[in-house]
N, C-alpha and C. Protein backbone atom coordinates (compact mmCIF):
# COMPACT_ATOMS: atom_id res chain seq x y z
N UNK A 1 26.31 -13.60 -15.10
CA UNK A 1 26.56 -12.20 -15.29
C UNK A 1 25.85 -11.74 -16.56
N UNK A 2 25.35 -10.55 -16.54
CA UNK A 2 24.64 -9.96 -17.67
C UNK A 2 25.58 -9.83 -18.87
N UNK A 3 25.13 -10.29 -20.00
CA UNK A 3 25.92 -10.22 -21.24
C UNK A 3 25.78 -8.82 -21.84
N UNK A 4 26.76 -7.97 -21.64
CA UNK A 4 26.69 -6.59 -22.13
C UNK A 4 26.83 -6.50 -23.64
N UNK A 5 27.21 -7.58 -24.29
CA UNK A 5 27.33 -7.57 -25.75
C UNK A 5 25.96 -7.64 -26.42
N UNK A 6 24.95 -8.10 -25.68
CA UNK A 6 23.60 -8.19 -26.24
C UNK A 6 22.88 -6.87 -26.04
N UNK A 7 22.21 -6.42 -27.09
CA UNK A 7 21.44 -5.19 -27.03
C UNK A 7 20.08 -5.48 -26.39
N UNK A 8 19.76 -4.85 -25.26
CA UNK A 8 18.50 -5.16 -24.57
C UNK A 8 17.26 -4.72 -25.34
N UNK A 9 17.43 -3.96 -26.42
CA UNK A 9 16.28 -3.48 -27.18
C UNK A 9 16.11 -4.20 -28.51
N UNK A 10 16.88 -5.25 -28.71
CA UNK A 10 16.74 -6.07 -29.89
C UNK A 10 16.28 -7.47 -29.49
N UNK A 11 15.61 -8.12 -30.43
CA UNK A 11 15.13 -9.47 -30.18
C UNK A 11 16.30 -10.40 -29.92
N UNK A 12 16.18 -11.20 -28.88
CA UNK A 12 17.18 -12.21 -28.55
C UNK A 12 16.53 -13.58 -28.75
N UNK A 13 16.97 -14.30 -29.74
CA UNK A 13 16.37 -15.61 -30.01
C UNK A 13 16.77 -16.59 -28.91
N UNK A 14 15.77 -17.16 -28.23
CA UNK A 14 16.10 -18.11 -27.16
C UNK A 14 16.55 -19.46 -27.73
N UNK A 15 17.48 -20.08 -27.04
CA UNK A 15 17.91 -21.42 -27.41
C UNK A 15 16.84 -22.42 -26.98
N UNK A 16 17.00 -23.66 -27.37
CA UNK A 16 16.05 -24.70 -26.96
C UNK A 16 16.02 -24.82 -25.43
N UNK A 17 17.18 -24.73 -24.79
CA UNK A 17 17.24 -24.80 -23.33
C UNK A 17 16.54 -23.58 -22.72
N UNK A 18 16.73 -22.40 -23.33
CA UNK A 18 16.05 -21.20 -22.86
C UNK A 18 14.54 -21.38 -22.92
N UNK A 19 14.05 -21.93 -24.02
CA UNK A 19 12.61 -22.14 -24.18
C UNK A 19 12.09 -23.08 -23.11
N UNK A 20 12.83 -24.13 -22.82
CA UNK A 20 12.45 -25.07 -21.76
C UNK A 20 12.36 -24.34 -20.42
N UNK A 21 13.37 -23.53 -20.10
CA UNK A 21 13.39 -22.81 -18.84
C UNK A 21 12.28 -21.76 -18.77
N UNK A 22 12.06 -21.04 -19.86
CA UNK A 22 11.00 -20.04 -19.90
C UNK A 22 9.64 -20.70 -19.68
N UNK A 23 9.43 -21.85 -20.30
CA UNK A 23 8.17 -22.58 -20.14
C UNK A 23 7.97 -22.99 -18.69
N UNK A 24 9.02 -23.45 -18.03
CA UNK A 24 8.91 -23.83 -16.62
C UNK A 24 8.55 -22.63 -15.74
N UNK A 25 9.19 -21.50 -15.99
CA UNK A 25 8.88 -20.29 -15.22
C UNK A 25 7.44 -19.85 -15.50
N UNK A 26 7.05 -19.85 -16.75
CA UNK A 26 5.69 -19.45 -17.12
C UNK A 26 4.66 -20.35 -16.44
N UNK A 27 4.90 -21.65 -16.45
CA UNK A 27 3.96 -22.58 -15.81
C UNK A 27 3.84 -22.32 -14.31
N UNK A 28 4.98 -22.04 -13.67
CA UNK A 28 4.96 -21.74 -12.23
C UNK A 28 4.20 -20.45 -11.96
N UNK A 29 4.40 -19.44 -12.80
CA UNK A 29 3.69 -18.17 -12.64
C UNK A 29 2.19 -18.35 -12.86
N UNK A 30 1.83 -19.15 -13.85
CA UNK A 30 0.40 -19.43 -14.09
C UNK A 30 -0.22 -20.10 -12.87
N UNK A 31 0.51 -21.04 -12.28
CA UNK A 31 -0.01 -21.74 -11.10
C UNK A 31 -0.19 -20.77 -9.94
N UNK A 32 0.79 -19.91 -9.70
CA UNK A 32 0.67 -18.93 -8.62
C UNK A 32 -0.47 -17.96 -8.91
N UNK A 33 -0.65 -17.58 -10.17
CA UNK A 33 -1.76 -16.69 -10.54
C UNK A 33 -3.09 -17.33 -10.15
N UNK A 34 -3.24 -18.60 -10.43
CA UNK A 34 -4.47 -19.32 -10.07
C UNK A 34 -4.66 -19.35 -8.56
N UNK A 35 -3.59 -19.58 -7.81
CA UNK A 35 -3.66 -19.59 -6.34
C UNK A 35 -4.07 -18.22 -5.82
N UNK A 36 -3.47 -17.17 -6.38
CA UNK A 36 -3.83 -15.82 -5.96
C UNK A 36 -5.30 -15.52 -6.25
N UNK A 37 -5.75 -15.86 -7.45
CA UNK A 37 -7.14 -15.59 -7.82
C UNK A 37 -8.12 -16.34 -6.91
N UNK A 38 -7.74 -17.54 -6.48
CA UNK A 38 -8.63 -18.36 -5.67
C UNK A 38 -8.61 -17.98 -4.19
N UNK A 39 -7.55 -17.31 -3.73
CA UNK A 39 -7.39 -17.12 -2.29
C UNK A 39 -7.29 -15.69 -1.81
N UNK A 40 -7.14 -14.75 -2.72
CA UNK A 40 -6.97 -13.36 -2.33
C UNK A 40 -8.20 -12.57 -2.79
N UNK A 41 -8.74 -11.73 -1.91
CA UNK A 41 -9.91 -10.95 -2.30
C UNK A 41 -9.60 -10.03 -3.48
N UNK A 42 -10.59 -9.85 -4.34
CA UNK A 42 -10.46 -8.93 -5.47
C UNK A 42 -10.21 -7.53 -4.95
N UNK A 43 -9.37 -6.81 -5.65
CA UNK A 43 -9.14 -5.42 -5.26
C UNK A 43 -7.74 -4.97 -5.60
N UNK A 44 -7.42 -3.83 -5.07
CA UNK A 44 -6.17 -3.15 -5.36
C UNK A 44 -4.95 -4.03 -5.08
N UNK A 45 -4.91 -4.69 -3.92
CA UNK A 45 -3.72 -5.46 -3.55
C UNK A 45 -3.56 -6.72 -4.40
N UNK A 46 -4.65 -7.35 -4.78
CA UNK A 46 -4.56 -8.48 -5.70
C UNK A 46 -4.05 -7.99 -7.05
N UNK A 47 -4.58 -6.86 -7.49
CA UNK A 47 -4.11 -6.30 -8.76
C UNK A 47 -2.60 -6.04 -8.72
N UNK A 48 -2.12 -5.49 -7.61
CA UNK A 48 -0.68 -5.26 -7.46
C UNK A 48 0.09 -6.57 -7.49
N UNK A 49 -0.40 -7.57 -6.77
CA UNK A 49 0.27 -8.87 -6.72
C UNK A 49 0.37 -9.48 -8.11
N UNK A 50 -0.70 -9.39 -8.87
CA UNK A 50 -0.69 -9.95 -10.23
C UNK A 50 0.25 -9.16 -11.13
N UNK A 51 0.26 -7.85 -10.98
CA UNK A 51 1.18 -7.02 -11.77
C UNK A 51 2.62 -7.40 -11.46
N UNK A 52 2.94 -7.57 -10.20
CA UNK A 52 4.31 -7.94 -9.81
C UNK A 52 4.64 -9.34 -10.31
N UNK A 53 3.67 -10.23 -10.33
CA UNK A 53 3.89 -11.57 -10.86
C UNK A 53 4.20 -11.50 -12.36
N UNK A 54 3.48 -10.64 -13.07
CA UNK A 54 3.77 -10.43 -14.50
C UNK A 54 5.18 -9.89 -14.68
N UNK A 55 5.57 -8.96 -13.83
CA UNK A 55 6.93 -8.41 -13.90
C UNK A 55 7.96 -9.49 -13.60
N UNK A 56 7.67 -10.33 -12.62
CA UNK A 56 8.57 -11.43 -12.28
C UNK A 56 8.79 -12.34 -13.48
N UNK A 57 7.71 -12.68 -14.16
CA UNK A 57 7.81 -13.54 -15.33
C UNK A 57 8.65 -12.87 -16.43
N UNK A 58 8.39 -11.58 -16.66
CA UNK A 58 9.12 -10.86 -17.71
C UNK A 58 10.61 -10.80 -17.39
N UNK A 59 10.96 -10.40 -16.17
CA UNK A 59 12.38 -10.26 -15.82
C UNK A 59 13.07 -11.62 -15.78
N UNK A 60 12.37 -12.65 -15.35
CA UNK A 60 12.95 -13.99 -15.35
C UNK A 60 13.25 -14.44 -16.77
N UNK A 61 12.32 -14.18 -17.70
CA UNK A 61 12.56 -14.54 -19.10
C UNK A 61 13.75 -13.80 -19.67
N UNK A 62 13.86 -12.52 -19.35
CA UNK A 62 14.98 -11.73 -19.84
C UNK A 62 16.28 -12.29 -19.26
N UNK A 63 16.27 -12.62 -17.99
CA UNK A 63 17.47 -13.18 -17.36
C UNK A 63 17.87 -14.51 -18.01
N UNK A 64 16.88 -15.32 -18.32
CA UNK A 64 17.17 -16.61 -18.95
C UNK A 64 17.86 -16.41 -20.29
N UNK A 65 17.36 -15.50 -21.10
CA UNK A 65 17.90 -15.29 -22.44
C UNK A 65 19.24 -14.54 -22.39
N UNK A 66 19.33 -13.53 -21.54
CA UNK A 66 20.54 -12.70 -21.51
C UNK A 66 21.69 -13.35 -20.78
N UNK A 67 21.41 -14.18 -19.80
CA UNK A 67 22.47 -14.82 -19.02
C UNK A 67 22.75 -16.22 -19.49
N UNK A 68 22.45 -16.49 -20.76
CA UNK A 68 22.65 -17.82 -21.35
C UNK A 68 24.11 -18.19 -21.32
């Protein structure tokens, strides 16, 4: 559950476990980015896919830190 005591506009220092989890998510997103770049034609839809992947990484990181 979302920790409402944490201010979403202030820096939240990640714990060591959070850093481990964030690194795993980042590595998976990097791998998918490489797969997309290698297999999807350049253009609008690839740009959208990469943007959504960036959003996925951002929201996953926030979830990791906030739902600690």
